[in-house]
Amino acid sequence: MTPEEALAAARARAAAARAAGGYADLGGLTIAPKDRIGTDQLMEWAVLEPDESTTRSTRRLGAPITYAKRALLHVLRQYHGELTAEQTRFNMHLLVHVAELEDRLARLEARGPERP
C-alpha cells in the first residue's frame, strides 16, 4: 500500500466513523480569542530579569555540575549583566517606538479619511 492509498483509506475510515457518531464533539477544545496585550504588559516582559537561583543540574551526579554552573555564573556575572542590560535597553526602545506608532495610528484613524 502506498502512502497516498493509506491516507485515502484513513480518511474514508474517519469519515465513516464520524458519520456513525464515533467521534465526540470537540467543541470544548476551541481556543477563545485573548484580549489584546497592553503596553504595560509588554513593558513588564521587555525587562530581562534572569533568576540565577534556578540554575541546577538534574543529572544523576548533579551536585558537582550545579556547583560548576553556579561558579561560572558568578565569574561571568558582569558579562551577563551587560548582556541583559543591553537586551533590555533594546526591548524598551523598540517598545517605545511601537507605542509611538500606535498613538500615531490612533490619531490618524480619529482624524478620518482625507478628502481631496
N, C-alpha and C. Protein backbone atom coordinates (compact mmCIF):
# COMPACT_ATOMS: atom_id res chain seq x y z
N MET A 1 0.86 -1.18 0.00
CA MET A 1 0.00 0.00 0.00
C MET A 1 0.90 1.24 0.00
N THR A 2 0.61 2.17 -0.87
CA THR A 2 1.41 3.39 -0.96
C THR A 2 0.93 4.38 0.10
N PRO A 3 1.73 5.39 0.41
CA PRO A 3 1.30 6.39 1.39
C PRO A 3 0.01 7.10 0.97
N GLU A 4 -0.14 7.34 -0.32
CA GLU A 4 -1.36 8.01 -0.80
C GLU A 4 -2.59 7.13 -0.58
N GLU A 5 -2.44 5.82 -0.83
CA GLU A 5 -3.55 4.90 -0.60
C GLU A 5 -3.88 4.80 0.89
N ALA A 6 -2.85 4.78 1.73
CA ALA A 6 -3.07 4.72 3.17
C ALA A 6 -3.79 5.96 3.66
N LEU A 7 -3.42 7.12 3.13
CA LEU A 7 -4.08 8.37 3.51
C LEU A 7 -5.55 8.34 3.09
N ALA A 8 -5.81 7.90 1.87
CA ALA A 8 -7.19 7.83 1.39
C ALA A 8 -8.01 6.86 2.23
N ALA A 9 -7.41 5.71 2.58
CA ALA A 9 -8.12 4.73 3.40
C ALA A 9 -8.40 5.28 4.81
N ALA A 10 -7.43 5.97 5.38
CA ALA A 10 -7.62 6.54 6.72
C ALA A 10 -8.70 7.61 6.70
N ARG A 11 -8.71 8.42 5.66
CA ARG A 11 -9.76 9.46 5.56
C ARG A 11 -11.14 8.83 5.40
N ALA A 12 -11.21 7.74 4.60
CA ALA A 12 -12.50 7.07 4.41
C ALA A 12 -12.99 6.45 5.71
N ARG A 13 -12.08 5.81 6.46
CA ARG A 13 -12.48 5.22 7.74
C ARG A 13 -12.89 6.30 8.75
N ALA A 14 -12.17 7.43 8.75
CA ALA A 14 -12.53 8.52 9.66
C ALA A 14 -13.89 9.10 9.31
N ALA A 15 -14.17 9.25 8.00
CA ALA A 15 -15.47 9.78 7.58
C ALA A 15 -16.59 8.82 7.97
N ALA A 16 -16.35 7.52 7.81
CA ALA A 16 -17.38 6.54 8.19
C ALA A 16 -17.61 6.55 9.70
N ALA A 17 -16.54 6.65 10.47
CA ALA A 17 -16.68 6.70 11.93
C ALA A 17 -17.39 7.97 12.36
N ARG A 18 -17.07 9.08 11.69
CA ARG A 18 -17.72 10.35 12.03
C ARG A 18 -19.22 10.28 11.72
N ALA A 19 -19.57 9.66 10.58
CA ALA A 19 -20.98 9.52 10.22
C ALA A 19 -21.73 8.63 11.20
N ALA A 20 -21.04 7.64 11.76
CA ALA A 20 -21.66 6.73 12.73
C ALA A 20 -21.66 7.31 14.14
N GLY A 21 -21.13 8.49 14.30
CA GLY A 21 -21.11 9.13 15.61
C GLY A 21 -19.97 8.63 16.49
N GLY A 22 -18.94 8.13 15.86
CA GLY A 22 -17.80 7.58 16.59
C GLY A 22 -16.92 8.62 17.26
N TYR A 23 -16.97 9.85 16.79
CA TYR A 23 -16.14 10.90 17.38
C TYR A 23 -17.01 11.83 18.22
N ALA A 24 -16.54 12.13 19.40
CA ALA A 24 -17.28 13.03 20.28
C ALA A 24 -17.13 14.47 19.78
N ASP A 25 -18.05 15.32 20.21
CA ASP A 25 -17.96 16.74 19.86
C ASP A 25 -16.73 17.35 20.51
N LEU A 26 -15.90 17.99 19.73
CA LEU A 26 -14.67 18.60 20.24
C LEU A 26 -14.84 20.10 20.47
N GLY A 27 -16.05 20.54 20.73
CA GLY A 27 -16.31 21.97 20.92
C GLY A 27 -15.55 22.56 22.10
N GLY A 28 -15.22 21.76 23.10
CA GLY A 28 -14.52 22.27 24.27
C GLY A 28 -13.05 22.56 24.01
N LEU A 29 -12.54 22.15 22.85
CA LEU A 29 -11.14 22.37 22.55
C LEU A 29 -10.87 23.66 21.79
N THR A 30 -11.90 24.44 21.56
CA THR A 30 -11.68 25.69 20.85
C THR A 30 -10.96 26.68 21.77
N ILE A 31 -10.16 27.49 21.18
CA ILE A 31 -9.39 28.48 21.93
C ILE A 31 -10.08 29.83 21.78
N ALA A 32 -10.48 30.39 22.91
CA ALA A 32 -11.14 31.68 22.88
C ALA A 32 -10.11 32.77 22.57
N PRO A 33 -10.49 33.76 21.77
CA PRO A 33 -9.54 34.83 21.47
C PRO A 33 -9.15 35.59 22.74
N LYS A 34 -7.90 35.86 22.87
CA LYS A 34 -7.38 36.58 24.03
C LYS A 34 -7.48 38.07 23.77
N ASP A 35 -7.74 38.80 24.83
CA ASP A 35 -7.74 40.25 24.70
C ASP A 35 -6.36 40.70 24.25
N ARG A 36 -6.33 41.85 23.62
CA ARG A 36 -5.07 42.39 23.13
C ARG A 36 -4.15 42.68 24.31
N ILE A 37 -2.89 42.34 24.15
CA ILE A 37 -1.92 42.57 25.22
C ILE A 37 -1.59 44.06 25.25
N GLY A 38 -1.68 44.64 26.42
CA GLY A 38 -1.46 46.07 26.55
C GLY A 38 0.01 46.43 26.64
N THR A 39 0.27 47.71 26.52
CA THR A 39 1.64 48.22 26.56
C THR A 39 2.27 47.97 27.93
N ASP A 40 1.47 48.06 28.99
CA ASP A 40 2.02 47.82 30.32
C ASP A 40 2.56 46.40 30.46
N GLN A 41 1.82 45.42 29.94
CA GLN A 41 2.28 44.03 29.99
C GLN A 41 3.52 43.85 29.14
N LEU A 42 3.56 44.48 27.98
CA LEU A 42 4.75 44.39 27.13
C LEU A 42 5.96 45.01 27.80
N MET A 43 5.75 46.12 28.51
CA MET A 43 6.86 46.76 29.23
C MET A 43 7.40 45.83 30.31
N GLU A 44 6.50 45.14 30.97
CA GLU A 44 6.94 44.20 32.02
C GLU A 44 7.75 43.06 31.41
N TRP A 45 7.31 42.56 30.27
CA TRP A 45 8.01 41.47 29.61
C TRP A 45 9.33 41.92 29.00
N ALA A 46 9.45 43.20 28.67
CA ALA A 46 10.65 43.70 27.99
C ALA A 46 11.87 43.71 28.90
N VAL A 47 11.64 43.79 30.21
CA VAL A 47 12.75 43.85 31.15
C VAL A 47 13.21 42.44 31.48
N LEU A 48 14.48 42.16 31.19
CA LEU A 48 15.03 40.83 31.46
C LEU A 48 15.50 40.76 32.91
N GLU A 49 15.02 39.77 33.61
CA GLU A 49 15.43 39.55 35.00
C GLU A 49 15.67 38.06 35.19
N PRO A 50 16.82 37.55 34.75
CA PRO A 50 17.07 36.11 34.90
C PRO A 50 17.20 35.72 36.36
N ASP A 51 16.65 34.57 36.70
CA ASP A 51 16.70 34.06 38.06
C ASP A 51 17.83 33.04 38.16
N GLU A 52 18.94 33.45 38.73
CA GLU A 52 20.11 32.58 38.81
C GLU A 52 19.93 31.46 39.84
N SER A 53 18.95 31.58 40.70
CA SER A 53 18.75 30.54 41.71
C SER A 53 18.17 29.26 41.09
N THR A 54 17.65 29.35 39.88
CA THR A 54 17.09 28.16 39.22
C THR A 54 18.17 27.36 38.49
N THR A 55 19.42 27.79 38.55
CA THR A 55 20.49 27.07 37.89
C THR A 55 20.80 25.80 38.66
N ARG A 56 20.59 24.66 38.00
CA ARG A 56 20.86 23.38 38.63
C ARG A 56 21.01 22.32 37.55
N SER A 57 21.43 21.16 37.95
CA SER A 57 21.55 20.03 37.05
C SER A 57 20.67 18.90 37.56
N THR A 58 19.95 18.26 36.65
CA THR A 58 19.06 17.17 37.05
C THR A 58 19.67 15.80 36.73
N ARG A 59 20.94 15.79 36.42
CA ARG A 59 21.61 14.52 36.13
C ARG A 59 21.84 13.74 37.41
N ARG A 60 22.29 12.51 37.26
CA ARG A 60 22.48 11.62 38.40
C ARG A 60 23.49 12.20 39.40
N LEU A 61 24.60 12.69 38.92
CA LEU A 61 25.60 13.33 39.79
C LEU A 61 25.52 14.84 39.59
N GLY A 62 24.36 15.40 39.85
CA GLY A 62 24.10 16.79 39.53
C GLY A 62 24.71 17.81 40.46
N ALA A 63 25.03 17.44 41.69
CA ALA A 63 25.55 18.42 42.66
C ALA A 63 26.85 19.06 42.19
N PRO A 64 27.85 18.31 41.73
CA PRO A 64 29.08 18.97 41.26
C PRO A 64 28.85 19.81 40.01
N ILE A 65 27.95 19.34 39.14
CA ILE A 65 27.65 20.10 37.92
C ILE A 65 26.95 21.40 38.29
N THR A 66 26.01 21.34 39.23
CA THR A 66 25.33 22.56 39.69
C THR A 66 26.34 23.53 40.30
N TYR A 67 27.26 23.02 41.09
CA TYR A 67 28.28 23.87 41.69
C TYR A 67 29.12 24.55 40.60
N ALA A 68 29.50 23.79 39.57
CA ALA A 68 30.31 24.36 38.48
C ALA A 68 29.52 25.41 37.71
N LYS A 69 28.25 25.14 37.46
CA LYS A 69 27.42 26.12 36.75
C LYS A 69 27.28 27.41 37.55
N ARG A 70 27.05 27.28 38.84
CA ARG A 70 26.90 28.48 39.67
C ARG A 70 28.21 29.24 39.79
N ALA A 71 29.33 28.50 39.81
CA ALA A 71 30.64 29.17 39.83
C ALA A 71 30.86 29.94 38.54
N LEU A 72 30.49 29.34 37.41
CA LEU A 72 30.61 30.05 36.13
C LEU A 72 29.72 31.29 36.10
N LEU A 73 28.51 31.16 36.61
CA LEU A 73 27.62 32.33 36.68
C LEU A 73 28.25 33.43 37.52
N HIS A 74 28.87 33.06 38.62
CA HIS A 74 29.50 34.06 39.48
C HIS A 74 30.67 34.74 38.76
N VAL A 75 31.49 33.96 38.06
CA VAL A 75 32.63 34.51 37.35
C VAL A 75 32.18 35.40 36.20
N LEU A 76 31.11 35.01 35.53
CA LEU A 76 30.64 35.75 34.35
C LEU A 76 29.51 36.72 34.67
N ARG A 77 29.31 37.03 35.94
CA ARG A 77 28.20 37.89 36.35
C ARG A 77 28.21 39.25 35.65
N GLN A 78 29.37 39.88 35.54
CA GLN A 78 29.45 41.19 34.90
C GLN A 78 29.07 41.09 33.42
N TYR A 79 29.59 40.08 32.75
CA TYR A 79 29.30 39.87 31.33
C TYR A 79 27.80 39.64 31.12
N HIS A 80 27.21 38.78 31.93
CA HIS A 80 25.77 38.51 31.81
C HIS A 80 24.95 39.76 32.12
N GLY A 81 25.41 40.53 33.11
CA GLY A 81 24.71 41.76 33.44
C GLY A 81 24.72 42.75 32.29
N GLU A 82 25.86 42.86 31.61
CA GLU A 82 25.94 43.76 30.46
C GLU A 82 25.05 43.27 29.32
N LEU A 83 25.04 41.97 29.10
CA LEU A 83 24.19 41.42 28.03
C LEU A 83 22.70 41.66 28.31
N THR A 84 22.27 41.38 29.53
CA THR A 84 20.86 41.55 29.84
C THR A 84 20.47 43.03 29.83
N ALA A 85 21.39 43.90 30.27
CA ALA A 85 21.10 45.34 30.23
C ALA A 85 20.97 45.82 28.79
N GLU A 86 21.86 45.36 27.93
CA GLU A 86 21.80 45.77 26.52
C GLU A 86 20.52 45.27 25.86
N GLN A 87 20.15 44.03 26.13
CA GLN A 87 18.92 43.48 25.54
C GLN A 87 17.69 44.19 26.10
N THR A 88 17.69 44.50 27.39
CA THR A 88 16.56 45.21 27.98
C THR A 88 16.43 46.60 27.38
N ARG A 89 17.57 47.29 27.19
CA ARG A 89 17.55 48.61 26.57
C ARG A 89 16.95 48.53 25.16
N PHE A 90 17.38 47.55 24.39
CA PHE A 90 16.84 47.38 23.04
C PHE A 90 15.34 47.12 23.09
N ASN A 91 14.91 46.21 23.96
CA ASN A 91 13.49 45.89 24.09
C ASN A 91 12.67 47.13 24.42
N MET A 92 13.17 47.94 25.35
CA MET A 92 12.43 49.13 25.76
C MET A 92 12.36 50.16 24.63
N HIS A 93 13.47 50.37 23.92
CA HIS A 93 13.46 51.33 22.80
C HIS A 93 12.49 50.86 21.72
N LEU A 94 12.50 49.58 21.44
CA LEU A 94 11.59 49.04 20.44
C LEU A 94 10.14 49.19 20.89
N LEU A 95 9.88 48.95 22.15
CA LEU A 95 8.53 49.06 22.67
C LEU A 95 8.04 50.51 22.64
N VAL A 96 8.92 51.45 22.97
CA VAL A 96 8.54 52.86 22.90
C VAL A 96 8.23 53.26 21.47
N HIS A 97 9.03 52.77 20.53
CA HIS A 97 8.78 53.08 19.12
C HIS A 97 7.43 52.51 18.67
N VAL A 98 7.12 51.28 19.07
CA VAL A 98 5.84 50.68 18.71
C VAL A 98 4.69 51.46 19.34
N ALA A 99 4.84 51.89 20.59
CA ALA A 99 3.79 52.67 21.25
C ALA A 99 3.57 54.00 20.54
N GLU A 100 4.66 54.63 20.10
CA GLU A 100 4.52 55.89 19.35
C GLU A 100 3.79 55.66 18.03
N LEU A 101 4.10 54.56 17.36
CA LEU A 101 3.40 54.24 16.11
C LEU A 101 1.92 53.96 16.35
N GLU A 102 1.60 53.28 17.47
CA GLU A 102 0.20 53.03 17.80
C GLU A 102 -0.54 54.33 18.06
N ASP A 103 0.11 55.25 18.79
CA ASP A 103 -0.51 56.55 19.05
C ASP A 103 -0.73 57.32 17.76
N ARG A 104 0.25 57.29 16.88
CA ARG A 104 0.14 57.98 15.59
C ARG A 104 -1.00 57.40 14.77
N LEU A 105 -1.09 56.07 14.74
CA LEU A 105 -2.16 55.41 14.01
C LEU A 105 -3.52 55.77 14.59
N ALA A 106 -3.62 55.82 15.92
CA ALA A 106 -4.89 56.18 16.55
C ALA A 106 -5.29 57.61 16.20
N ARG A 107 -4.31 58.52 16.17
CA ARG A 107 -4.61 59.91 15.79
C ARG A 107 -5.07 59.98 14.34
N LEU A 108 -4.42 59.25 13.45
CA LEU A 108 -4.81 59.26 12.04
C LEU A 108 -6.19 58.66 11.84
N GLU A 109 -6.49 57.59 12.56
CA GLU A 109 -7.82 56.97 12.44
C GLU A 109 -8.89 57.88 13.02
N ALA A 110 -8.59 58.61 14.07
CA ALA A 110 -9.57 59.52 14.67
C ALA A 110 -9.84 60.70 13.76
N ARG A 111 -8.84 61.10 12.97
CA ARG A 111 -8.99 62.24 12.07
C ARG A 111 -9.92 61.89 10.91
N GLY A 112 -9.99 60.62 10.56
CA GLY A 112 -10.87 60.20 9.50
C GLY A 112 -10.19 60.27 8.15
N PRO A 113 -10.90 59.81 7.13
CA PRO A 113 -10.30 59.81 5.79
C PRO A 113 -10.14 61.23 5.25
N GLU A 114 -9.03 61.43 4.57
CA GLU A 114 -8.78 62.74 3.97
C GLU A 114 -9.53 62.82 2.64
N ARG A 115 -10.04 63.99 2.38
CA ARG A 115 -10.81 64.19 1.13
C ARG A 115 -10.04 65.16 0.26
N PRO A 116 -9.87 64.80 -0.99
CA PRO A 116 -9.14 65.70 -1.90
C PRO A 116 -9.92 66.94 -2.24
